[in-house]
Amino acid sequence: MVDREGAVPTAKRLIMSSTPSSGFTRLWELKRLDLTVEALALRVPWRQLFTEVELKKARQRLEPIKLQI
């Protein structure tokens, strides 16, 4: 997907999907949600690449897990 669409469009698609990706699930199993697209999008310097709607969705996906960003 990254090769086809580029990194930022792929990240936006993963964040806005209705269900977490298989990569998100695997990182949850490994207790490494700090490496998810959602977590990275909320950090500087990448935060500026995303809309407020996308950042809100990223926070909502991580919120139930109580990940500290």
PDB file of N, CA and C in Angstrom:
ATOM      1  N   MET A   1       0.829  -1.186   0.000  1.00  0.00           N
ATOM      2  CA  MET A   1       0.000   0.000   0.000  1.00  0.00           C
ATOM      3  C   MET A   1       0.878   1.256   0.000  1.00  0.00           C
ATOM      4  N   VAL A   2       1.940   1.252   0.786  1.00  0.00           N
ATOM      5  CA  VAL A   2       2.841   2.406   0.834  1.00  0.00           C
ATOM      6  C   VAL A   2       3.481   2.634  -0.523  1.00  0.00           C
ATOM      7  N   ASP A   3       3.913   1.565  -1.177  1.00  0.00           N
ATOM      8  CA  ASP A   3       4.522   1.702  -2.510  1.00  0.00           C
ATOM      9  C   ASP A   3       3.530   2.296  -3.514  1.00  0.00           C
ATOM     10  N   ARG A   4       2.289   1.890  -3.407  1.00  0.00           N
ATOM     11  CA  ARG A   4       1.254   2.326  -4.340  1.00  0.00           C
ATOM     12  C   ARG A   4       0.787   3.758  -4.075  1.00  0.00           C
ATOM     13  N   GLU A   5       0.537   4.069  -2.812  1.00  0.00           N
ATOM     14  CA  GLU A   5      -0.120   5.334  -2.473  1.00  0.00           C
ATOM     15  C   GLU A   5       0.769   6.358  -1.780  1.00  0.00           C
ATOM     16  N   GLY A   6       1.874   5.908  -1.206  1.00  0.00           N
ATOM     17  CA  GLY A   6       2.727   6.807  -0.438  1.00  0.00           C
ATOM     18  C   GLY A   6       2.477   6.651   1.053  1.00  0.00           C
ATOM     19  N   ALA A   7       3.430   7.109   1.844  1.00  0.00           N
ATOM     20  CA  ALA A   7       3.385   6.899   3.288  1.00  0.00           C
ATOM     21  C   ALA A   7       2.243   7.651   3.972  1.00  0.00           C
ATOM     22  N   VAL A   8       2.106   8.933   3.688  1.00  0.00           N
ATOM     23  CA  VAL A   8       1.083   9.724   4.381  1.00  0.00           C
ATOM     24  C   VAL A   8      -0.328   9.295   3.996  1.00  0.00           C
ATOM     25  N   PRO A   9      -0.635   9.124   2.715  1.00  0.00           N
ATOM     26  CA  PRO A   9      -1.978   8.635   2.382  1.00  0.00           C
ATOM     27  C   PRO A   9      -2.281   7.265   3.000  1.00  0.00           C
ATOM     28  N   THR A  10      -1.292   6.400   3.068  1.00  0.00           N
ATOM     29  CA  THR A  10      -1.491   5.090   3.691  1.00  0.00           C
ATOM     30  C   THR A  10      -1.772   5.250   5.178  1.00  0.00           C
ATOM     31  N   ALA A  11      -1.009   6.094   5.849  1.00  0.00           N
ATOM     32  CA  ALA A  11      -1.226   6.332   7.275  1.00  0.00           C
ATOM     33  C   ALA A  11      -2.627   6.890   7.514  1.00  0.00           C
ATOM     34  N   LYS A  12      -3.043   7.835   6.689  1.00  0.00           N
ATOM     35  CA  LYS A  12      -4.376   8.422   6.825  1.00  0.00           C
ATOM     36  C   LYS A  12      -5.460   7.361   6.636  1.00  0.00           C
ATOM     37  N   ARG A  13      -5.269   6.491   5.663  1.00  0.00           N
ATOM     38  CA  ARG A  13      -6.245   5.426   5.421  1.00  0.00           C
ATOM     39  C   ARG A  13      -6.331   4.473   6.611  1.00  0.00           C
ATOM     40  N   LEU A  14      -5.183   4.095   7.167  1.00  0.00           N
ATOM     41  CA  LEU A  14      -5.169   3.189   8.315  1.00  0.00           C
ATOM     42  C   LEU A  14      -5.838   3.827   9.531  1.00  0.00           C
ATOM     43  N   ILE A  15      -5.558   5.091   9.752  1.00  0.00           N
ATOM     44  CA  ILE A  15      -6.159   5.791  10.894  1.00  0.00           C
ATOM     45  C   ILE A  15      -7.671   5.893  10.744  1.00  0.00           C
ATOM     46  N   MET A  16      -8.138   6.208   9.558  1.00  0.00           N
ATOM     47  CA  MET A  16      -9.562   6.451   9.346  1.00  0.00           C
ATOM     48  C   MET A  16     -10.381   5.182   9.101  1.00  0.00           C
ATOM     49  N   SER A  17      -9.723   4.026   9.029  1.00  0.00           N
ATOM     50  CA  SER A  17     -10.479   2.790   8.814  1.00  0.00           C
ATOM     51  C   SER A  17     -11.375   2.497  10.020  1.00  0.00           C
ATOM     52  N   SER A  18     -12.453   1.800   9.771  1.00  0.00           N
ATOM     53  CA  SER A  18     -13.413   1.514  10.840  1.00  0.00           C
ATOM     54  C   SER A  18     -12.902   0.470  11.829  1.00  0.00           C
ATOM     55  N   THR A  19     -11.942  -0.321  11.412  1.00  0.00           N
ATOM     56  CA  THR A  19     -11.374  -1.334  12.311  1.00  0.00           C
ATOM     57  C   THR A  19      -9.848  -1.228  12.305  1.00  0.00           C
ATOM     58  N   PRO A  20      -9.222  -1.581  13.415  1.00  0.00           N
ATOM     59  CA  PRO A  20      -7.758  -1.542  13.463  1.00  0.00           C
ATOM     60  C   PRO A  20      -7.155  -2.517  12.449  1.00  0.00           C
ATOM     61  N   SER A  21      -5.990  -2.153  11.939  1.00  0.00           N
ATOM     62  CA  SER A  21      -5.300  -3.015  10.975  1.00  0.00           C
ATOM     63  C   SER A  21      -4.710  -4.237  11.672  1.00  0.00           C
ATOM     64  N   SER A  22      -4.299  -5.211  10.887  1.00  0.00           N
ATOM     65  CA  SER A  22      -3.647  -6.390  11.455  1.00  0.00           C
ATOM     66  C   SER A  22      -2.327  -5.996  12.114  1.00  0.00           C
ATOM     67  N   GLY A  23      -1.661  -4.976  11.579  1.00  0.00           N
ATOM     68  CA  GLY A  23      -0.427  -4.486  12.189  1.00  0.00           C
ATOM     69  C   GLY A  23      -0.678  -3.883  13.562  1.00  0.00           C
ATOM     70  N   PHE A  24      -1.766  -3.138  13.699  1.00  0.00           N
ATOM     71  CA  PHE A  24      -2.147  -2.563  14.996  1.00  0.00           C
ATOM     72  C   PHE A  24      -2.383  -3.693  15.997  1.00  0.00           C
ATOM     73  N   THR A  25      -3.119  -4.704  15.564  1.00  0.00           N
ATOM     74  CA  THR A  25      -3.413  -5.836  16.439  1.00  0.00           C
ATOM     75  C   THR A  25      -2.138  -6.546  16.860  1.00  0.00           C
ATOM     76  N   ARG A  26      -1.234  -6.744  15.927  1.00  0.00           N
ATOM     77  CA  ARG A  26       0.032  -7.423  16.252  1.00  0.00           C
ATOM     78  C   ARG A  26       0.855  -6.593  17.232  1.00  0.00           C
ATOM     79  N   LEU A  27       0.914  -5.280  17.018  1.00  0.00           N
ATOM     80  CA  LEU A  27       1.650  -4.415  17.945  1.00  0.00           C
ATOM     81  C   LEU A  27       0.993  -4.406  19.325  1.00  0.00           C
ATOM     82  N   TRP A  28      -0.329  -4.505  19.391  1.00  0.00           N
ATOM     83  CA  TRP A  28      -1.040  -4.626  20.674  1.00  0.00           C
ATOM     84  C   TRP A  28      -0.608  -5.913  21.375  1.00  0.00           C
ATOM     85  N   GLU A  29      -0.551  -7.011  20.630  1.00  0.00           N
ATOM     86  CA  GLU A  29      -0.123  -8.288  21.211  1.00  0.00           C
ATOM     87  C   GLU A  29       1.303  -8.203  21.769  1.00  0.00           C
ATOM     88  N   LEU A  30       2.143  -7.441  21.112  1.00  0.00           N
ATOM     89  CA  LEU A  30       3.546  -7.294  21.525  1.00  0.00           C
ATOM     90  C   LEU A  30       3.739  -6.185  22.564  1.00  0.00           C
ATOM     91  N   LYS A  31       2.616  -5.546  22.950  1.00  0.00           N
ATOM     92  CA  LYS A  31       2.666  -4.426  23.896  1.00  0.00           C
ATOM     93  C   LYS A  31       3.548  -3.284  23.379  1.00  0.00           C
ATOM     94  N   ARG A  32       3.415  -2.993  22.074  1.00  0.00           N
ATOM     95  CA  ARG A  32       4.199  -1.931  21.433  1.00  0.00           C
ATOM     96  C   ARG A  32       3.303  -0.974  20.638  1.00  0.00           C
ATOM     97  N   LEU A  33       2.201  -0.584  21.236  1.00  0.00           N
ATOM     98  CA  LEU A  33       1.318   0.349  20.542  1.00  0.00           C
ATOM     99  C   LEU A  33       1.965   1.708  20.315  1.00  0.00           C
ATOM    100  N   ASP A  34       3.082   1.968  20.973  1.00  0.00           N
ATOM    101  CA  ASP A  34       3.814   3.207  20.726  1.00  0.00           C
ATOM    102  C   ASP A  34       4.367   3.257  19.300  1.00  0.00           C
ATOM    103  N   LEU A  35       4.381   2.120  18.617  1.00  0.00           N
ATOM    104  CA  LEU A  35       4.882   2.056  17.244  1.00  0.00           C
ATOM    105  C   LEU A  35       3.772   2.072  16.190  1.00  0.00           C
ATOM    106  N   THR A  36       2.526   2.177  16.611  1.00  0.00           N
ATOM    107  CA  THR A  36       1.425   2.197  15.649  1.00  0.00           C
ATOM    108  C   THR A  36       1.398   3.506  14.872  1.00  0.00           C
ATOM    109  N   VAL A  37       0.785   3.459  13.716  1.00  0.00           N
ATOM    110  CA  VAL A  37       0.590   4.668  12.913  1.00  0.00           C
ATOM    111  C   VAL A  37      -0.170   5.708  13.733  1.00  0.00           C
ATOM    112  N   GLU A  38      -1.152   5.256  14.501  1.00  0.00           N
ATOM    113  CA  GLU A  38      -1.959   6.170  15.305  1.00  0.00           C
ATOM    114  C   GLU A  38      -1.096   6.918  16.322  1.00  0.00           C
ATOM    115  N   ALA A  39      -0.237   6.190  17.014  1.00  0.00           N
ATOM    116  CA  ALA A  39       0.628   6.808  18.020  1.00  0.00           C
ATOM    117  C   ALA A  39       1.636   7.758  17.373  1.00  0.00           C
ATOM    118  N   LEU A  40       2.209   7.343  16.268  1.00  0.00           N
ATOM    119  CA  LEU A  40       3.202   8.190  15.589  1.00  0.00           C
ATOM    120  C   LEU A  40       2.571   9.465  15.024  1.00  0.00           C
ATOM    121  N   ALA A  41       1.340   9.358  14.529  1.00  0.00           N
ATOM    122  CA  ALA A  41       0.660  10.528  13.964  1.00  0.00           C
ATOM    123  C   ALA A  41       0.409  11.602  15.021  1.00  0.00           C
ATOM    124  N   LEU A  42       0.299  11.197  16.266  1.00  0.00           N
ATOM    125  CA  LEU A  42       0.034  12.150  17.338  1.00  0.00           C
ATOM    126  C   LEU A  42       1.290  12.868  17.821  1.00  0.00           C
ATOM    127  N   ARG A  43       2.432  12.475  17.325  1.00  0.00           N
ATOM    128  CA  ARG A  43       3.701  13.041  17.770  1.00  0.00           C
ATOM    129  C   ARG A  43       4.253  14.068  16.786  1.00  0.00           C
ATOM    130  N   VAL A  44       5.059  14.979  17.339  1.00  0.00           N
ATOM    131  CA  VAL A  44       5.828  15.924  16.527  1.00  0.00           C
ATOM    132  C   VAL A  44       6.983  15.127  15.934  1.00  0.00           C
ATOM    133  N   PRO A  45       7.327  15.292  14.690  1.00  0.00           N
ATOM    134  CA  PRO A  45       6.894  16.301  13.724  1.00  0.00           C
ATOM    135  C   PRO A  45       5.755  15.839  12.822  1.00  0.00           C
ATOM    136  N   TRP A  46       5.302  14.599  12.950  1.00  0.00           N
ATOM    137  CA  TRP A  46       4.304  14.060  12.015  1.00  0.00           C
ATOM    138  C   TRP A  46       2.908  14.594  12.238  1.00  0.00           C
ATOM    139  N   ARG A  47       2.615  15.057  13.428  1.00  0.00           N
ATOM    140  CA  ARG A  47       1.287  15.571  13.780  1.00  0.00           C
ATOM    141  C   ARG A  47       0.782  16.589  12.747  1.00  0.00           C
ATOM    142  N   GLN A  48       1.665  17.416  12.259  1.00  0.00           N
ATOM    143  CA  GLN A  48       1.263  18.480  11.326  1.00  0.00           C
ATOM    144  C   GLN A  48       0.784  17.954   9.968  1.00  0.00           C
ATOM    145  N   LEU A  49       1.037  16.693   9.686  1.00  0.00           N
ATOM    146  CA  LEU A  49       0.631  16.104   8.410  1.00  0.00           C
ATOM    147  C   LEU A  49      -0.819  15.625   8.399  1.00  0.00           C
ATOM    148  N   PHE A  50      -1.465  15.654   9.576  1.00  0.00           N
ATOM    149  CA  PHE A  50      -2.799  15.090   9.720  1.00  0.00           C
ATOM    150  C   PHE A  50      -3.810  16.155  10.119  1.00  0.00           C
ATOM    151  N   THR A  51      -5.059  15.944   9.702  1.00  0.00           N
ATOM    152  CA  THR A  51      -6.140  16.866  10.068  1.00  0.00           C
ATOM    153  C   THR A  51      -6.554  16.609  11.516  1.00  0.00           C
ATOM    154  N   GLU A  52      -7.308  17.540  12.076  1.00  0.00           N
ATOM    155  CA  GLU A  52      -7.820  17.355  13.438  1.00  0.00           C
ATOM    156  C   GLU A  52      -8.736  16.133  13.516  1.00  0.00           C
ATOM    157  N   VAL A  53      -9.494  15.872  12.476  1.00  0.00           N
ATOM    158  CA  VAL A  53     -10.378  14.696  12.444  1.00  0.00           C
ATOM    159  C   VAL A  53      -9.545  13.413  12.512  1.00  0.00           C
ATOM    160  N   GLU A  54      -8.474  13.365  11.739  1.00  0.00           N
ATOM    161  CA  GLU A  54      -7.607  12.182  11.741  1.00  0.00           C
ATOM    162  C   GLU A  54      -6.912  12.005  13.093  1.00  0.00           C
ATOM    163  N   LEU A  55      -6.464  13.096  13.688  1.00  0.00           N
ATOM    164  CA  LEU A  55      -5.818  13.016  15.000  1.00  0.00           C
ATOM    165  C   LEU A  55      -6.813  12.576  16.078  1.00  0.00           C
ATOM    166  N   LYS A  56      -8.041  13.056  15.973  1.00  0.00           N
ATOM    167  CA  LYS A  56      -9.074  12.643  16.931  1.00  0.00           C
ATOM    168  C   LYS A  56      -9.337  11.140  16.813  1.00  0.00           C
ATOM    169  N   LYS A  57      -9.426  10.652  15.596  1.00  0.00           N
ATOM    170  CA  LYS A  57      -9.656   9.218  15.363  1.00  0.00           C
ATOM    171  C   LYS A  57      -8.489   8.396  15.919  1.00  0.00           C
ATOM    172  N   ALA A  58      -7.263   8.871  15.727  1.00  0.00           N
ATOM    173  CA  ALA A  58      -6.085   8.175  16.254  1.00  0.00           C
ATOM    174  C   ALA A  58      -6.153   8.118  17.781  1.00  0.00           C
ATOM    175  N   ARG A  59      -6.507   9.246  18.416  1.00  0.00           N
ATOM    176  CA  ARG A  59      -6.637   9.274  19.881  1.00  0.00           C
ATOM    177  C   ARG A  59      -7.728   8.327  20.351  1.00  0.00           C
ATOM    178  N   GLN A  60      -8.850   8.315  19.635  1.00  0.00           N
ATOM    179  CA  GLN A  60      -9.970   7.448  20.021  1.00  0.00           C
ATOM    180  C   GLN A  60      -9.595   5.968  19.950  1.00  0.00           C
ATOM    181  N   ARG A  61      -8.817   5.597  18.954  1.00  0.00           N
ATOM    182  CA  ARG A  61      -8.416   4.200  18.830  1.00  0.00           C
ATOM    183  C   ARG A  61      -7.478   3.799  19.973  1.00  0.00           C
ATOM    184  N   LEU A  62      -6.628   4.706  20.388  1.00  0.00           N
ATOM    185  CA  LEU A  62      -5.658   4.411  21.444  1.00  0.00           C
ATOM    186  C   LEU A  62      -6.224   4.620  22.845  1.00  0.00           C
ATOM    187  N   GLU A  63      -7.256   5.445  22.979  1.00  0.00           N
ATOM    188  CA  GLU A  63      -7.797   5.805  24.285  1.00  0.00           C
ATOM    189  C   GLU A  63      -8.203   4.616  25.156  1.00  0.00           C
ATOM    190  N   PRO A  64      -8.929   3.639  24.630  1.00  0.00           N
ATOM    191  CA  PRO A  64      -9.319   2.522  25.499  1.00  0.00           C
ATOM    192  C   PRO A  64      -8.134   1.761  26.091  1.00  0.00           C
ATOM    193  N   ILE A  65      -6.993   1.902  25.470  1.00  0.00           N
ATOM    194  CA  ILE A  65      -5.806   1.168  25.896  1.00  0.00           C
ATOM    195  C   ILE A  65      -4.993   1.999  26.886  1.00  0.00           C
ATOM    196  N   LYS A  66      -5.322   3.278  26.994  1.00  0.00           N
ATOM    197  CA  LYS A  66      -4.645   4.188  27.920  1.00  0.00           C
ATOM    198  C   LYS A  66      -3.154   4.355  27.618  1.00  0.00           C
ATOM    199  N   LEU A  67      -2.832   4.404  26.339  1.00  0.00           N
ATOM    200  CA  LEU A  67      -1.442   4.623  25.926  1.00  0.00           C
ATOM    201  C   LEU A  67      -1.093   6.080  26.173  1.00  0.00           C
ATOM    202  N   GLN A  68       0.009   6.316  26.803  1.00  0.00           N
ATOM    203  CA  GLN A  68       0.485   7.669  27.071  1.00  0.00           C
ATOM    204  C   GLN A  68       1.282   8.169  25.876  1.00  0.00           C
ATOM    205  N   ILE A  69       0.810   9.227  25.242  1.00  0.00           N
ATOM    206  CA  ILE A  69       1.496   9.822  24.086  1.00  0.00           C
ATOM    207  C   ILE A  69       2.177  11.099  24.550  1.00  0.00           C
TER     208      ILE A  69
END
